Amino acid sequence: MAATTRPVSLLWGEADPWEDAREGCKLFASLPSVVEFVTLPGVGHCPQDEAPELVNPLIERFVAAYGAKQPAPAGVAVEGGALA
């Protein structure tokens, strides 16, 4: 994640049994690409599975604010190696 130049949103479950939210705070403070850090009360390690009603609106808002204005052409590799 340190090499990315794309904006990153960290969504962190406060009840994560493996990674304390303080780790997310450290990433937010140390990585310039992390533009927001959101903690989710009562949510564990997999917020997208445990609380989609909280996560989905956050993702929609983030994509609206930071998403690409135009999709990459088909077959063009995008950051992370995935194909668009």
PDB file of N, CA and C in Angstrom:
ATOM      1  N   MET A   1       0.821  -1.180   0.000  1.00  0.00           N
ATOM      2  CA  MET A   1       0.000   0.000   0.000  1.00  0.00           C
ATOM      3  C   MET A   1       0.875   1.257   0.000  1.00  0.00           C
ATOM      4  N   ALA A   2       2.058   1.164   0.484  1.00  0.00           N
ATOM      5  CA  ALA A   2       2.927   2.343   0.558  1.00  0.00           C
ATOM      6  C   ALA A   2       3.275   2.885  -0.823  1.00  0.00           C
ATOM      7  N   ALA A   3       3.264   2.037  -1.839  1.00  0.00           N
ATOM      8  CA  ALA A   3       3.656   2.469  -3.175  1.00  0.00           C
ATOM      9  C   ALA A   3       2.519   3.097  -3.972  1.00  0.00           C
ATOM     10  N   THR A   4       1.302   2.938  -3.533  1.00  0.00           N
ATOM     11  CA  THR A   4       0.185   3.456  -4.321  1.00  0.00           C
ATOM     12  C   THR A   4       0.109   4.978  -4.273  1.00  0.00           C
ATOM     13  N   THR A   5      -0.312   5.538  -5.382  1.00  0.00           N
ATOM     14  CA  THR A   5      -0.543   6.978  -5.446  1.00  0.00           C
ATOM     15  C   THR A   5      -2.037   7.272  -5.486  1.00  0.00           C
ATOM     16  N   ARG A   6      -2.845   6.237  -5.478  1.00  0.00           N
ATOM     17  CA  ARG A   6      -4.303   6.390  -5.502  1.00  0.00           C
ATOM     18  C   ARG A   6      -4.811   6.656  -4.092  1.00  0.00           C
ATOM     19  N   PRO A   7      -5.894   7.403  -3.960  1.00  0.00           N
ATOM     20  CA  PRO A   7      -6.478   7.618  -2.636  1.00  0.00           C
ATOM     21  C   PRO A   7      -6.979   6.306  -2.043  1.00  0.00           C
ATOM     22  N   VAL A   8      -6.772   6.148  -0.754  1.00  0.00           N
ATOM     23  CA  VAL A   8      -7.169   4.933  -0.038  1.00  0.00           C
ATOM     24  C   VAL A   8      -8.068   5.319   1.130  1.00  0.00           C
ATOM     25  N   SER A   9      -9.118   4.538   1.312  1.00  0.00           N
ATOM     26  CA  SER A   9      -9.985   4.673   2.484  1.00  0.00           C
ATOM     27  C   SER A   9      -9.809   3.419   3.327  1.00  0.00           C
ATOM     28  N   LEU A  10      -9.492   3.588   4.598  1.00  0.00           N
ATOM     29  CA  LEU A  10      -9.390   2.453   5.512  1.00  0.00           C
ATOM     30  C   LEU A  10     -10.662   2.383   6.336  1.00  0.00           C
ATOM     31  N   LEU A  11     -11.361   1.266   6.233  1.00  0.00           N
ATOM     32  CA  LEU A  11     -12.541   1.008   7.049  1.00  0.00           C
ATOM     33  C   LEU A  11     -12.142  -0.072   8.037  1.00  0.00           C
ATOM     34  N   TRP A  12     -12.291   0.205   9.323  1.00  0.00           N
ATOM     35  CA  TRP A  12     -11.748  -0.675  10.356  1.00  0.00           C
ATOM     36  C   TRP A  12     -12.807  -0.993  11.397  1.00  0.00           C
ATOM     37  N   GLY A  13     -13.027  -2.281  11.626  1.00  0.00           N
ATOM     38  CA  GLY A  13     -13.952  -2.689  12.676  1.00  0.00           C
ATOM     39  C   GLY A  13     -13.317  -2.510  14.045  1.00  0.00           C
ATOM     40  N   GLU A  14     -13.978  -1.776  14.917  1.00  0.00           N
ATOM     41  CA  GLU A  14     -13.429  -1.553  16.262  1.00  0.00           C
ATOM     42  C   GLU A  14     -13.362  -2.837  17.075  1.00  0.00           C
ATOM     43  N   ALA A  15     -14.177  -3.828  16.714  1.00  0.00           N
ATOM     44  CA  ALA A  15     -14.187  -5.096  17.444  1.00  0.00           C
ATOM     45  C   ALA A  15     -13.352  -6.169  16.739  1.00  0.00           C
ATOM     46  N   ASP A  16     -12.439  -5.769  15.875  1.00  0.00           N
ATOM     47  CA  ASP A  16     -11.574  -6.716  15.169  1.00  0.00           C
ATOM     48  C   ASP A  16     -10.720  -7.458  16.191  1.00  0.00           C
ATOM     49  N   PRO A  17     -10.844  -8.796  16.262  1.00  0.00           N
ATOM     50  CA  PRO A  17     -10.088  -9.546  17.263  1.00  0.00           C
ATOM     51  C   PRO A  17      -8.615  -9.741  16.901  1.00  0.00           C
ATOM     52  N   TRP A  18      -8.231  -9.467  15.653  1.00  0.00           N
ATOM     53  CA  TRP A  18      -6.855  -9.709  15.220  1.00  0.00           C
ATOM     54  C   TRP A  18      -6.039  -8.434  15.048  1.00  0.00           C
ATOM     55  N   GLU A  19      -6.660  -7.377  14.578  1.00  0.00           N
ATOM     56  CA  GLU A  19      -5.935  -6.130  14.318  1.00  0.00           C
ATOM     57  C   GLU A  19      -6.619  -4.990  15.063  1.00  0.00           C
ATOM     58  N   ASP A  20      -5.943  -4.454  16.033  1.00  0.00           N
ATOM     59  CA  ASP A  20      -6.472  -3.344  16.815  1.00  0.00           C
ATOM     60  C   ASP A  20      -6.593  -2.099  15.936  1.00  0.00           C
ATOM     61  N   ALA A  21      -7.602  -1.298  16.193  1.00  0.00           N
ATOM     62  CA  ALA A  21      -7.820  -0.076  15.411  1.00  0.00           C
ATOM     63  C   ALA A  21      -6.627   0.873  15.485  1.00  0.00           C
ATOM     64  N   ARG A  22      -5.805   0.745  16.503  1.00  0.00           N
ATOM     65  CA  ARG A  22      -4.602   1.591  16.584  1.00  0.00           C
ATOM     66  C   ARG A  22      -3.665   1.345  15.408  1.00  0.00           C
ATOM     67  N   GLU A  23      -3.691   0.108  14.865  1.00  0.00           N
ATOM     68  CA  GLU A  23      -2.876  -0.188  13.679  1.00  0.00           C
ATOM     69  C   GLU A  23      -3.362   0.637  12.495  1.00  0.00           C
ATOM     70  N   GLY A  24      -4.673   0.758  12.357  1.00  0.00           N
ATOM     71  CA  GLY A  24      -5.231   1.595  11.298  1.00  0.00           C
ATOM     72  C   GLY A  24      -4.850   3.047  11.470  1.00  0.00           C
ATOM     73  N   CYS A  25      -4.850   3.505  12.708  1.00  0.00           N
ATOM     74  CA  CYS A  25      -4.429   4.889  12.989  1.00  0.00           C
ATOM     75  C   CYS A  25      -2.990   5.113  12.550  1.00  0.00           C
ATOM     76  N   LYS A  26      -2.130   4.128  12.787  1.00  0.00           N
ATOM     77  CA  LYS A  26      -0.725   4.244  12.383  1.00  0.00           C
ATOM     78  C   LYS A  26      -0.606   4.333  10.864  1.00  0.00           C
ATOM     79  N   LEU A  27      -1.378   3.492  10.154  1.00  0.00           N
ATOM     80  CA  LEU A  27      -1.349   3.539   8.692  1.00  0.00           C
ATOM     81  C   LEU A  27      -1.834   4.891   8.186  1.00  0.00           C
ATOM     82  N   PHE A  28      -2.911   5.374   8.771  1.00  0.00           N
ATOM     83  CA  PHE A  28      -3.475   6.666   8.376  1.00  0.00           C
ATOM     84  C   PHE A  28      -2.444   7.776   8.565  1.00  0.00           C
ATOM     85  N   ALA A  29      -1.723   7.722   9.655  1.00  0.00           N
ATOM     86  CA  ALA A  29      -0.734   8.760   9.958  1.00  0.00           C
ATOM     87  C   ALA A  29       0.527   8.648   9.103  1.00  0.00           C
ATOM     88  N   SER A  30       0.849   7.438   8.650  1.00  0.00           N
ATOM     89  CA  SER A  30       2.135   7.246   7.990  1.00  0.00           C
ATOM     90  C   SER A  30       2.076   7.123   6.470  1.00  0.00           C
ATOM     91  N   LEU A  31       0.914   6.880   5.905  1.00  0.00           N
ATOM     92  CA  LEU A  31       0.817   6.698   4.459  1.00  0.00           C
ATOM     93  C   LEU A  31       0.048   7.854   3.823  1.00  0.00           C
ATOM     94  N   PRO A  32       0.691   8.627   2.975  1.00  0.00           N
ATOM     95  CA  PRO A  32       0.019   9.785   2.392  1.00  0.00           C
ATOM     96  C   PRO A  32      -1.170   9.423   1.511  1.00  0.00           C
ATOM     97  N   SER A  33      -1.196   8.210   0.981  1.00  0.00           N
ATOM     98  CA  SER A  33      -2.311   7.829   0.108  1.00  0.00           C
ATOM     99  C   SER A  33      -3.595   7.554   0.890  1.00  0.00           C
ATOM    100  N   VAL A  34      -3.482   7.320   2.198  1.00  0.00           N
ATOM    101  CA  VAL A  34      -4.677   7.073   3.011  1.00  0.00           C
ATOM    102  C   VAL A  34      -5.312   8.423   3.320  1.00  0.00           C
ATOM    103  N   VAL A  35      -6.444   8.672   2.672  1.00  0.00           N
ATOM    104  CA  VAL A  35      -7.093   9.976   2.808  1.00  0.00           C
ATOM    105  C   VAL A  35      -8.186   9.980   3.869  1.00  0.00           C
ATOM    106  N   GLU A  36      -8.607   8.787   4.297  1.00  0.00           N
ATOM    107  CA  GLU A  36      -9.583   8.722   5.382  1.00  0.00           C
ATOM    108  C   GLU A  36      -9.446   7.409   6.130  1.00  0.00           C
ATOM    109  N   PHE A  37      -9.769   7.467   7.404  1.00  0.00           N
ATOM    110  CA  PHE A  37      -9.745   6.295   8.279  1.00  0.00           C
ATOM    111  C   PHE A  37     -11.052   6.301   9.059  1.00  0.00           C
ATOM    112  N   VAL A  38     -11.867   5.276   8.841  1.00  0.00           N
ATOM    113  CA  VAL A  38     -13.186   5.203   9.463  1.00  0.00           C
ATOM    114  C   VAL A  38     -13.241   3.970  10.351  1.00  0.00           C
ATOM    115  N   THR A  39     -13.552   4.163  11.626  1.00  0.00           N
ATOM    116  CA  THR A  39     -13.748   3.018  12.512  1.00  0.00           C
ATOM    117  C   THR A  39     -15.240   2.737  12.612  1.00  0.00           C
ATOM    118  N   LEU A  40     -15.563   1.451  12.680  1.00  0.00           N
ATOM    119  CA  LEU A  40     -16.951   1.010  12.715  1.00  0.00           C
ATOM    120  C   LEU A  40     -17.215   0.318  14.049  1.00  0.00           C
ATOM    121  N   PRO A  41     -17.965   0.955  14.932  1.00  0.00           N
ATOM    122  CA  PRO A  41     -18.242   0.393  16.258  1.00  0.00           C
ATOM    123  C   PRO A  41     -19.001  -0.930  16.165  1.00  0.00           C
ATOM    124  N   GLY A  42     -18.578  -1.894  16.987  1.00  0.00           N
ATOM    125  CA  GLY A  42     -19.262  -3.176  17.061  1.00  0.00           C
ATOM    126  C   GLY A  42     -19.029  -4.096  15.881  1.00  0.00           C
ATOM    127  N   VAL A  43     -18.126  -3.729  14.992  1.00  0.00           N
ATOM    128  CA  VAL A  43     -17.848  -4.515  13.790  1.00  0.00           C
ATOM    129  C   VAL A  43     -16.468  -5.143  13.938  1.00  0.00           C
ATOM    130  N   GLY A  44     -16.332  -6.385  13.446  1.00  0.00           N
ATOM    131  CA  GLY A  44     -15.087  -7.118  13.585  1.00  0.00           C
ATOM    132  C   GLY A  44     -14.150  -6.976  12.396  1.00  0.00           C
ATOM    133  N   HIS A  45     -13.492  -8.089  12.045  1.00  0.00           N
ATOM    134  CA  HIS A  45     -12.419  -8.103  11.060  1.00  0.00           C
ATOM    135  C   HIS A  45     -12.903  -7.952   9.614  1.00  0.00           C
ATOM    136  N   CYS A  46     -14.136  -8.302   9.327  1.00  0.00           N
ATOM    137  CA  CYS A  46     -14.653  -8.269   7.949  1.00  0.00           C
ATOM    138  C   CYS A  46     -15.865  -7.351   7.846  1.00  0.00           C
ATOM    139  N   PRO A  47     -15.648  -6.043   7.928  1.00  0.00           N
ATOM    140  CA  PRO A  47     -16.775  -5.109   7.932  1.00  0.00           C
ATOM    141  C   PRO A  47     -17.707  -5.266   6.738  1.00  0.00           C
ATOM    142  N   GLN A  48     -17.140  -5.556   5.556  1.00  0.00           N
ATOM    143  CA  GLN A  48     -17.963  -5.674   4.363  1.00  0.00           C
ATOM    144  C   GLN A  48     -18.950  -6.833   4.467  1.00  0.00           C
ATOM    145  N   ASP A  49     -18.592  -7.873   5.215  1.00  0.00           N
ATOM    146  CA  ASP A  49     -19.492  -9.010   5.420  1.00  0.00           C
ATOM    147  C   ASP A  49     -20.408  -8.797   6.616  1.00  0.00           C
ATOM    148  N   GLU A  50     -19.865  -8.228   7.671  1.00  0.00           N
ATOM    149  CA  GLU A  50     -20.603  -8.085   8.927  1.00  0.00           C
ATOM    150  C   GLU A  50     -21.583  -6.921   8.929  1.00  0.00           C
ATOM    151  N   ALA A  51     -21.252  -5.864   8.226  1.00  0.00           N
ATOM    152  CA  ALA A  51     -22.096  -4.663   8.276  1.00  0.00           C
ATOM    153  C   ALA A  51     -22.156  -3.965   6.919  1.00  0.00           C
ATOM    154  N   PRO A  52     -22.654  -4.664   5.886  1.00  0.00           N
ATOM    155  CA  PRO A  52     -22.714  -4.018   4.571  1.00  0.00           C
ATOM    156  C   PRO A  52     -23.571  -2.756   4.561  1.00  0.00           C
ATOM    157  N   GLU A  53     -24.531  -2.687   5.479  1.00  0.00           N
ATOM    158  CA  GLU A  53     -25.382  -1.493   5.545  1.00  0.00           C
ATOM    159  C   GLU A  53     -24.591  -0.261   5.986  1.00  0.00           C
ATOM    160  N   LEU A  54     -23.461  -0.470   6.662  1.00  0.00           N
ATOM    161  CA  LEU A  54     -22.571   0.632   7.040  1.00  0.00           C
ATOM    162  C   LEU A  54     -21.497   0.867   5.979  1.00  0.00           C
ATOM    163  N   VAL A  55     -20.960  -0.225   5.463  1.00  0.00           N
ATOM    164  CA  VAL A  55     -19.821  -0.153   4.551  1.00  0.00           C
ATOM    165  C   VAL A  55     -20.214   0.348   3.159  1.00  0.00           C
ATOM    166  N   ASN A  56     -21.302  -0.160   2.615  1.00  0.00           N
ATOM    167  CA  ASN A  56     -21.667   0.194   1.241  1.00  0.00           C
ATOM    168  C   ASN A  56     -21.831   1.695   1.028  1.00  0.00           C
ATOM    169  N   PRO A  57     -22.542   2.412   1.903  1.00  0.00           N
ATOM    170  CA  PRO A  57     -22.641   3.861   1.693  1.00  0.00           C
ATOM    171  C   PRO A  57     -21.289   4.576   1.781  1.00  0.00           C
ATOM    172  N   LEU A  58     -20.396   4.069   2.625  1.00  0.00           N
ATOM    173  CA  LEU A  58     -19.065   4.671   2.728  1.00  0.00           C
ATOM    174  C   LEU A  58     -18.284   4.481   1.434  1.00  0.00           C
ATOM    175  N   ILE A  59     -18.390   3.292   0.852  1.00  0.00           N
ATOM    176  CA  ILE A  59     -17.704   3.020  -0.416  1.00  0.00           C
ATOM    177  C   ILE A  59     -18.301   3.875  -1.530  1.00  0.00           C
ATOM    178  N   GLU A  60     -19.622   3.956  -1.575  1.00  0.00           N
ATOM    179  CA  GLU A  60     -20.273   4.770  -2.605  1.00  0.00           C
ATOM    180  C   GLU A  60     -19.830   6.232  -2.515  1.00  0.00           C
ATOM    181  N   ARG A  61     -19.771   6.762  -1.298  1.00  0.00           N
ATOM    182  CA  ARG A  61     -19.349   8.145  -1.103  1.00  0.00           C
ATOM    183  C   ARG A  61     -17.893   8.333  -1.530  1.00  0.00           C
ATOM    184  N   PHE A  62     -17.036   7.378  -1.147  1.00  0.00           N
ATOM    185  CA  PHE A  62     -15.619   7.463  -1.486  1.00  0.00           C
ATOM    186  C   PHE A  62     -15.414   7.416  -2.999  1.00  0.00           C
ATOM    187  N   VAL A  63     -16.088   6.494  -3.668  1.00  0.00           N
ATOM    188  CA  VAL A  63     -15.950   6.383  -5.124  1.00  0.00           C
ATOM    189  C   VAL A  63     -16.460   7.652  -5.803  1.00  0.00           C
ATOM    190  N   ALA A  64     -17.553   8.205  -5.300  1.00  0.00           N
ATOM    191  CA  ALA A  64     -18.069   9.453  -5.876  1.00  0.00           C
ATOM    192  C   ALA A  64     -17.058  10.590  -5.716  1.00  0.00           C
ATOM    193  N   ALA A  65     -16.353  10.604  -4.602  1.00  0.00           N
ATOM    194  CA  ALA A  65     -15.393  11.674  -4.335  1.00  0.00           C
ATOM    195  C   ALA A  65     -14.050  11.462  -5.026  1.00  0.00           C
ATOM    196  N   TYR A  66     -13.578  10.216  -5.085  1.00  0.00           N
ATOM    197  CA  TYR A  66     -12.214   9.955  -5.544  1.00  0.00           C
ATOM    198  C   TYR A  66     -12.117   9.041  -6.753  1.00  0.00           C
ATOM    199  N   GLY A  67     -13.227   8.470  -7.185  1.00  0.00           N
ATOM    200  CA  GLY A  67     -13.193   7.495  -8.270  1.00  0.00           C
ATOM    201  C   GLY A  67     -12.788   8.104  -9.602  1.00  0.00           C
ATOM    202  N   ALA A  68     -12.377   7.232 -10.502  1.00  0.00           N
ATOM    203  CA  ALA A  68     -11.992   7.666 -11.842  1.00  0.00           C
ATOM    204  C   ALA A  68     -13.205   8.251 -12.554  1.00  0.00           C
ATOM    205  N   LYS A  69     -12.979   9.291 -13.300  1.00  0.00           N
ATOM    206  CA  LYS A  69     -14.066   9.920 -14.049  1.00  0.00           C
ATOM    207  C   LYS A  69     -14.452   9.083 -15.262  1.00  0.00           C
ATOM    208  N   GLN A  70     -13.494   8.309 -15.784  1.00  0.00           N
ATOM    209  CA  GLN A  70     -13.765   7.426 -16.910  1.00  0.00           C
ATOM    210  C   GLN A  70     -13.134   6.079 -16.611  1.00  0.00           C
ATOM    211  N   PRO A  71     -13.802   4.979 -16.985  1.00  0.00           N
ATOM    212  CA  PRO A  71     -13.200   3.662 -16.750  1.00  0.00           C
ATOM    213  C   PRO A  71     -11.982   3.456 -17.649  1.00  0.00           C
ATOM    214  N   ALA A  72     -11.086   2.601 -17.205  1.00  0.00           N
ATOM    215  CA  ALA A  72      -9.935   2.235 -18.027  1.00  0.00           C
ATOM    216  C   ALA A  72     -10.433   1.441 -19.229  1.00  0.00           C
ATOM    217  N   PRO A  73      -9.779   1.545 -20.371  1.00  0.00           N
ATOM    218  CA  PRO A  73     -10.188   0.756 -21.538  1.00  0.00           C
ATOM    219  C   PRO A  73     -10.108  -0.737 -21.238  1.00  0.00           C
ATOM    220  N   ALA A  74     -10.973  -1.511 -21.851  1.00  0.00           N
ATOM    221  CA  ALA A  74     -11.000  -2.960 -21.636  1.00  0.00           C
ATOM    222  C   ALA A  74      -9.631  -3.560 -21.941  1.00  0.00           C
ATOM    223  N   GLY A  75      -9.177  -4.455 -21.071  1.00  0.00           N
ATOM    224  CA  GLY A  75      -7.921  -5.144 -21.274  1.00  0.00           C
ATOM    225  C   GLY A  75      -6.692  -4.374 -20.833  1.00  0.00           C
ATOM    226  N   VAL A  76      -6.866  -3.186 -20.317  1.00  0.00           N
ATOM    227  CA  VAL A  76      -5.740  -2.379 -19.848  1.00  0.00           C
ATOM    228  C   VAL A  76      -5.521  -2.667 -18.373  1.00  0.00           C
ATOM    229  N   ALA A  77      -4.291  -2.984 -18.010  1.00  0.00           N
ATOM    230  CA  ALA A  77      -3.981  -3.256 -16.608  1.00  0.00           C
ATOM    231  C   ALA A  77      -4.102  -1.969 -15.811  1.00  0.00           C
ATOM    232  N   VAL A  78      -4.716  -2.087 -14.659  1.00  0.00           N
ATOM    233  CA  VAL A  78      -4.828  -0.949 -13.758  1.00  0.00           C
ATOM    234  C   VAL A  78      -3.961  -1.217 -12.545  1.00  0.00           C
ATOM    235  N   GLU A  79      -3.774  -0.217 -11.714  1.00  0.00           N
ATOM    236  CA  GLU A  79      -2.934  -0.371 -10.532  1.00  0.00           C
ATOM    237  C   GLU A  79      -3.362  -1.592  -9.743  1.00  0.00           C
ATOM    238  N   GLY A  80      -2.425  -2.394  -9.320  1.00  0.00           N
ATOM    239  CA  GLY A  80      -2.718  -3.617  -8.587  1.00  0.00           C
ATOM    240  C   GLY A  80      -2.692  -4.841  -9.487  1.00  0.00           C
ATOM    241  N   GLY A  81      -2.576  -4.634 -10.796  1.00  0.00           N
ATOM    242  CA  GLY A  81      -2.454  -5.751 -11.717  1.00  0.00           C
ATOM    243  C   GLY A  81      -3.764  -6.299 -12.235  1.00  0.00           C
ATOM    244  N   ALA A  82      -4.898  -5.803 -11.755  1.00  0.00           N
ATOM    245  CA  ALA A  82      -6.189  -6.300 -12.230  1.00  0.00           C
ATOM    246  C   ALA A  82      -6.453  -5.758 -13.625  1.00  0.00           C
ATOM    247  N   LEU A  83      -7.237  -6.477 -14.377  1.00  0.00           N
ATOM    248  CA  LEU A  83      -7.634  -5.994 -15.692  1.00  0.00           C
ATOM    249  C   LEU A  83      -8.965  -5.293 -15.594  1.00  0.00           C
ATOM    250  N   ALA A  84      -9.069  -4.173 -16.258  1.00  0.00           N
ATOM    251  CA  ALA A  84     -10.332  -3.424 -16.266  1.00  0.00           C
ATOM    252  C   ALA A  84     -11.306  -4.089 -17.213  1.00  0.00           C
TER     253      ALA A  84
END
